[in-house]
Amino acid sequence: MKTGLLRLFAALFAFLFSLIGQVGYPCPAKAKAEHLCYSAIVMSDLYLFEQDDAKLNVIHGYSFAAYRTELGTSIFVSPFGSANPTLTQDTDVDRGFFLKQVKPEVKVTAAGAAGLMLYKRSPENQNGTDRVSTSSGMGLSLSGSVSNNPSLGASISYSQSRSQMTNLTDWRTMTYSNSGYDANWDYHFNKYFELDDWVVDKLLSKKARLKAVPVISAHGLQYSAEAIWFGSHHKVSGFFEFTVKTTVVNERLKFVKNNLLDFELSSTHFTHGLYTQTT
């Protein structure tokens, strides 16, 4: 009995870890026809923000997939998109508006009642490294005729995914779940923590200057994250309901006073909360 359970869990872990988020999950036609697999891509309209010198566009959406096998039911949600600022001011005394933070969030409103638990989030907390996991390829195929045996989702086979890494120099990512069901990520600027950290030439012989804006903050961030929920086939029932939200922050720094004796630096930022139509 113990050997059988160990094999079952080993197969489950191999199945779950072989799937990493991407823009779109493939779903074999026969598996979809037999309700063993469902997949979709949801895209929101391009978000454009222009107010005085602040310009920003955001592309955001998510991929969704549900798979049923003899091991249970798995739900995949992969928020993706890009936040793209425009530096309308980029001088030694005035820089902005640059990108400061991007927060994709998946808020689950009905998972526990359906017997599903949050199993995994990618990318994981990176502990200060400047490289994070991103989406990779995943393929599905049929090893048998699902229509002849629709109760066996195991006839769907999953290919091994290929992990990729992307440099996030001067940025950091973290993931957290306040409720134990929700999945949240926080990509944020991680180089200058106080306003004074942006300033060079603080000596009396020169006027203060602003450091250059790092590349990602100046030109934008493209992201792809993924959360996996899993439930035993004995317990899963009901609905899996969720909302997807992306919060983007852009900022401007400008000297309001700058002479040989003293300087004063001001910060202006906008916070944009964007919702994507949900399943």
Protein backbone atom coordinates (compact mmCIF):
# COMPACT_ATOMS: atom_id res chain seq x y z
CA MET A 1 0.00 0.00 0.00
CA LYS A 2 2.79 2.43 0.93
CA THR A 3 4.64 1.63 -2.29
CA GLY A 4 1.54 2.42 -4.32
CA LEU A 5 1.06 5.78 -2.54
CA LEU A 6 4.72 6.70 -3.05
CA ARG A 7 4.41 5.98 -6.77
CA LEU A 8 1.23 8.04 -6.92
CA PHE A 9 2.85 11.07 -5.26
CA ALA A 10 6.00 10.69 -7.37
CA ALA A 11 3.88 10.75 -10.52
CA LEU A 12 1.95 13.76 -9.22
CA PHE A 13 5.10 15.77 -8.47
CA ALA A 14 6.63 14.89 -11.84
CA PHE A 15 3.43 16.01 -13.55
CA LEU A 16 3.16 19.32 -11.70
CA PHE A 17 6.83 20.29 -11.88
CA SER A 18 6.93 19.58 -15.61
CA LEU A 19 4.57 22.52 -16.27
CA ILE A 20 5.87 26.09 -16.11
CA GLY A 21 3.85 29.16 -17.09
CA GLN A 22 3.65 30.34 -20.65
CA VAL A 23 1.37 32.48 -22.78
CA GLY A 24 -1.18 29.86 -23.74
CA TYR A 25 -1.57 26.22 -22.72
CA PRO A 26 -2.14 23.70 -25.52
CA CYS A 27 -5.10 21.35 -25.13
CA PRO A 28 -5.58 18.26 -27.35
CA ALA A 29 -8.89 18.41 -29.23
CA LYS A 30 -10.02 14.96 -28.09
CA ALA A 31 -9.19 15.71 -24.47
CA LYS A 32 -11.12 18.96 -24.69
CA ALA A 33 -14.09 17.20 -26.29
CA GLU A 34 -14.18 14.74 -23.39
CA HIS A 35 -13.98 17.60 -20.84
CA LEU A 36 -10.59 16.40 -19.59
CA CYS A 37 -8.91 19.64 -20.58
CA TYR A 38 -9.91 23.27 -21.02
CA SER A 39 -7.66 26.17 -21.97
CA ALA A 40 -8.09 29.84 -22.85
CA ILE A 41 -6.20 33.10 -23.28
CA VAL A 42 -7.80 36.33 -22.06
CA MET A 43 -6.39 39.68 -23.20
CA SER A 44 -7.44 43.12 -22.03
CA ASP A 45 -7.46 46.22 -24.19
CA LEU A 46 -4.23 48.19 -24.31
CA TYR A 47 -4.10 50.58 -21.35
CA LEU A 48 -2.79 54.05 -22.23
CA PHE A 49 -2.12 56.75 -19.66
CA GLU A 50 -1.07 60.29 -20.57
CA GLN A 51 -1.20 63.16 -18.12
CA ASP A 52 1.14 66.10 -18.56
CA ASP A 53 4.64 64.51 -18.67
CA ALA A 54 3.47 61.08 -17.47
CA LYS A 55 3.11 58.51 -20.26
CA LEU A 56 2.62 54.76 -19.84
CA ASN A 57 1.14 51.84 -21.73
CA VAL A 58 0.36 48.43 -20.26
CA ILE A 59 -0.44 45.17 -22.04
CA HIS A 60 -1.94 42.58 -19.71
CA GLY A 61 -3.82 39.31 -19.78
CA TYR A 62 -3.65 35.73 -18.57
CA SER A 63 -3.65 32.13 -19.73
CA PHE A 64 -5.94 29.62 -18.05
CA ALA A 65 -6.03 25.83 -18.16
CA ALA A 66 -7.79 23.03 -16.29
CA TYR A 67 -6.61 19.42 -16.59
CA ARG A 68 -8.25 16.30 -15.15
CA THR A 69 -6.35 13.05 -14.77
CA GLU A 70 -6.71 10.02 -12.52
CA LEU A 71 -4.51 11.90 -10.01
CA GLY A 72 -6.95 14.78 -9.64
CA THR A 73 -7.74 18.20 -11.07
CA SER A 74 -5.11 20.89 -11.75
CA ILE A 75 -5.83 24.57 -12.44
CA PHE A 76 -3.18 26.79 -14.04
CA VAL A 77 -3.38 30.60 -14.22
CA SER A 78 -0.53 32.49 -15.87
CA PRO A 79 -0.71 36.32 -15.76
CA PHE A 80 1.44 37.93 -18.45
CA GLY A 81 2.05 41.31 -19.99
CA SER A 82 4.36 44.29 -20.19
CA ALA A 83 4.52 47.76 -18.66
CA ASN A 84 6.14 50.34 -20.91
CA PRO A 85 6.97 53.85 -19.67
CA THR A 86 8.14 56.87 -21.66
CA LEU A 87 10.86 59.10 -20.22
CA THR A 88 9.58 62.49 -21.28
CA GLN A 89 12.14 64.08 -18.95
CA ASP A 90 15.63 62.60 -18.72
CA THR A 91 18.13 65.18 -17.53
CA ASP A 92 20.51 65.54 -14.59
CA VAL A 93 17.87 67.47 -12.65
CA ASP A 94 14.59 65.88 -13.82
CA ARG A 95 13.92 62.19 -14.65
CA GLY A 96 10.56 60.60 -15.31
CA PHE A 97 8.22 59.05 -15.51
CA PHE A 98 10.05 55.75 -15.12
CA LEU A 99 8.72 52.33 -14.13
CA LYS A 100 8.98 51.49 -10.43
CA GLN A 101 6.73 48.48 -9.74
CA VAL A 102 4.57 45.83 -11.44
CA LYS A 103 2.30 43.58 -9.31
CA PRO A 104 0.27 40.80 -10.98
CA GLU A 105 -2.31 39.31 -8.58
CA VAL A 106 -4.68 36.33 -8.83
CA LYS A 107 -7.40 36.61 -6.19
CA VAL A 108 -9.36 33.38 -5.72
CA THR A 109 -12.93 33.80 -4.50
CA ALA A 110 -13.95 30.12 -4.54
CA ALA A 111 -11.19 27.50 -4.37
CA GLY A 112 -11.37 25.93 -0.92
CA ALA A 113 -15.05 25.16 -1.42
CA ALA A 114 -14.13 23.35 -4.62
CA GLY A 115 -11.52 21.24 -2.83
CA LEU A 116 -8.50 22.91 -4.47
CA MET A 117 -5.32 24.06 -2.75
CA LEU A 118 -2.60 26.46 -3.95
CA TYR A 119 0.28 24.18 -4.85
CA LYS A 120 3.01 26.23 -6.55
CA ARG A 121 3.91 29.74 -7.75
CA SER A 122 6.54 30.70 -10.33
CA PRO A 123 8.77 32.64 -10.33
CA GLU A 124 9.60 31.95 -6.71
CA ASN A 125 11.22 34.35 -4.25
CA GLN A 126 14.71 35.03 -5.54
CA ASN A 127 16.47 36.26 -2.37
CA GLY A 128 18.01 39.24 -4.08
CA THR A 129 19.32 37.54 -7.22
CA ASP A 130 18.98 39.47 -10.44
CA ARG A 131 17.83 36.43 -12.47
CA VAL A 132 14.32 34.98 -12.35
CA SER A 133 12.56 32.06 -13.98
CA THR A 134 10.18 32.90 -16.78
CA SER A 135 7.84 31.01 -19.07
CA SER A 136 8.94 27.99 -21.06
CA GLY A 137 7.58 25.57 -23.62
CA MET A 138 5.07 22.85 -22.77
CA GLY A 139 3.45 20.32 -25.08
CA LEU A 140 0.63 17.84 -24.73
CA SER A 141 -0.19 14.76 -26.77
CA LEU A 142 -2.55 11.79 -26.66
CA SER A 143 -1.10 8.35 -26.01
CA GLY A 144 -4.44 6.64 -26.61
CA SER A 145 -7.99 7.28 -27.73
CA VAL A 146 -9.62 9.42 -25.09
CA SER A 147 -13.02 8.94 -26.70
CA ASN A 148 -12.75 5.19 -26.07
CA ASN A 149 -11.89 5.64 -22.42
CA PRO A 150 -12.89 9.14 -21.33
CA SER A 151 -12.52 8.48 -17.60
CA LEU A 152 -8.75 8.06 -17.88
CA GLY A 153 -7.17 11.46 -18.15
CA ALA A 154 -3.82 9.66 -17.90
CA SER A 155 -4.04 9.09 -21.63
CA ILE A 156 -2.92 12.70 -21.93
CA SER A 157 0.88 12.90 -21.74
CA TYR A 158 2.89 16.01 -20.91
CA SER A 159 6.29 16.91 -22.32
CA GLN A 160 9.15 18.14 -20.14
CA SER A 161 9.30 21.92 -20.13
CA ARG A 162 12.46 23.93 -20.67
CA SER A 163 13.25 26.43 -17.96
CA GLN A 164 14.43 29.85 -19.08
CA MET A 165 16.06 32.69 -17.16
CA THR A 166 15.80 36.42 -17.70
CA ASN A 167 18.08 39.11 -16.29
CA LEU A 168 16.33 41.60 -14.03
CA THR A 169 19.30 43.82 -13.27
CA ASP A 170 18.43 46.47 -10.65
CA TRP A 171 15.04 44.83 -10.10
CA ARG A 172 13.81 42.07 -7.75
CA THR A 173 10.82 39.75 -7.71
CA MET A 174 8.95 38.14 -4.83
CA THR A 175 5.80 36.06 -4.49
CA TYR A 176 3.39 35.75 -1.58
CA SER A 177 -0.08 34.47 -0.67
CA ASN A 178 -1.91 36.32 2.09
CA SER A 179 -4.88 33.98 2.15
CA GLY A 180 -3.21 30.68 1.25
CA TYR A 181 -5.33 30.57 -1.93
CA ASP A 182 -4.42 33.83 -3.68
CA ALA A 183 -1.22 34.14 -5.74
CA ASN A 184 0.64 37.46 -5.90
CA TRP A 185 3.92 38.62 -7.41
CA ASP A 186 5.81 41.84 -6.89
CA TYR A 187 8.38 42.97 -9.46
CA HIS A 188 9.95 46.14 -8.12
CA PHE A 189 12.85 48.53 -8.56
CA ASN A 190 15.62 47.49 -6.19
CA LYS A 191 18.58 49.81 -6.55
CA TYR A 192 18.00 53.23 -4.93
CA PHE A 193 15.93 52.93 -1.77
CA GLU A 194 15.89 56.56 -0.57
CA LEU A 195 15.58 59.77 -2.56
CA ASP A 196 19.11 60.79 -1.59
CA ASP A 197 20.44 57.55 -3.13
CA TRP A 198 19.62 59.01 -6.55
CA VAL A 199 21.81 62.07 -5.97
CA VAL A 200 25.47 62.53 -6.92
CA ASP A 201 27.76 65.55 -6.50
CA LYS A 202 26.48 66.53 -3.07
CA LEU A 203 29.67 68.54 -2.45
CA LEU A 204 29.62 72.31 -2.09
CA SER A 205 31.73 72.75 -5.23
CA LYS A 206 28.99 71.43 -7.57
CA LYS A 207 25.24 71.40 -7.88
CA ALA A 208 23.61 68.01 -7.19
CA ARG A 209 22.75 65.73 -10.11
CA LEU A 210 20.46 62.73 -10.57
CA LYS A 211 21.85 59.33 -11.48
CA ALA A 212 20.73 57.73 -14.73
CA VAL A 213 17.55 55.63 -14.75
CA PRO A 214 18.35 51.87 -15.04
CA VAL A 215 17.35 50.13 -18.27
CA ILE A 216 14.22 48.23 -17.15
CA SER A 217 12.81 51.25 -15.32
CA ALA A 218 13.47 53.44 -18.36
CA HIS A 219 12.21 51.11 -21.10
CA GLY A 220 9.78 48.65 -19.49
CA LEU A 221 9.30 45.18 -18.05
CA GLN A 222 7.85 42.11 -19.75
CA TYR A 223 6.67 39.44 -17.32
CA SER A 224 5.06 35.99 -17.16
CA ALA A 225 4.08 34.30 -13.89
CA GLU A 226 2.17 31.15 -13.02
CA ALA A 227 0.15 29.66 -10.15
CA ILE A 228 -1.02 26.05 -9.86
CA TRP A 229 -3.95 24.81 -7.79
CA PHE A 230 -4.49 21.08 -7.26
CA GLY A 231 -7.22 18.93 -5.78
CA SER A 232 -7.77 15.20 -5.38
CA HIS A 233 -10.34 13.70 -7.76
CA HIS A 234 -12.23 12.49 -4.68
CA LYS A 235 -12.79 16.03 -3.35
CA VAL A 236 -12.97 18.48 -6.26
CA SER A 237 -16.43 19.85 -7.04
CA GLY A 238 -18.11 23.20 -7.57
CA PHE A 239 -16.58 26.33 -9.13
CA PHE A 240 -13.11 27.86 -9.30
CA GLU A 241 -13.63 31.62 -9.39
CA PHE A 242 -10.88 34.25 -9.49
CA THR A 243 -10.00 37.78 -10.55
CA VAL A 244 -6.75 38.97 -12.11
CA LYS A 245 -5.38 42.42 -11.31
CA THR A 246 -2.16 44.15 -12.34
CA THR A 247 -0.90 47.16 -10.38
CA VAL A 248 1.70 49.39 -12.06
CA VAL A 249 3.54 52.33 -10.49
CA ASN A 250 5.52 54.96 -12.41
CA GLU A 251 7.49 57.80 -10.84
CA ARG A 252 9.22 61.10 -11.53
CA LEU A 253 12.10 62.70 -9.59
CA LYS A 254 12.82 66.40 -9.87
CA PHE A 255 14.89 68.97 -7.99
CA VAL A 256 12.67 71.74 -6.61
CA LYS A 257 15.73 73.45 -5.08
CA ASN A 258 19.33 72.97 -6.17
CA ASN A 259 22.21 75.31 -5.38
CA LEU A 260 25.75 75.00 -4.03
CA LEU A 261 24.54 75.11 -0.44
CA ASP A 262 21.45 72.94 -0.49
CA PHE A 263 19.11 70.83 -2.62
CA GLU A 264 15.60 69.42 -2.32
CA LEU A 265 14.33 66.51 -4.39
CA SER A 266 10.63 65.78 -4.97
CA SER A 267 8.92 62.56 -6.02
CA THR A 268 5.66 62.22 -7.95
CA HIS A 269 4.12 58.86 -8.79
CA PHE A 270 0.96 57.36 -10.26
CA THR A 271 -0.52 53.99 -9.26
CA HIS A 272 -2.60 52.18 -11.89
CA GLY A 273 -4.89 49.29 -10.90
CA LEU A 274 -5.90 47.26 -13.96
CA TYR A 275 -8.36 44.36 -13.94
CA THR A 276 -8.57 41.63 -16.57
CA GLN A 277 -11.83 39.86 -17.39
CA THR A 278 -11.87 36.63 -15.40
CA THR A 279 -13.09 33.08 -15.78
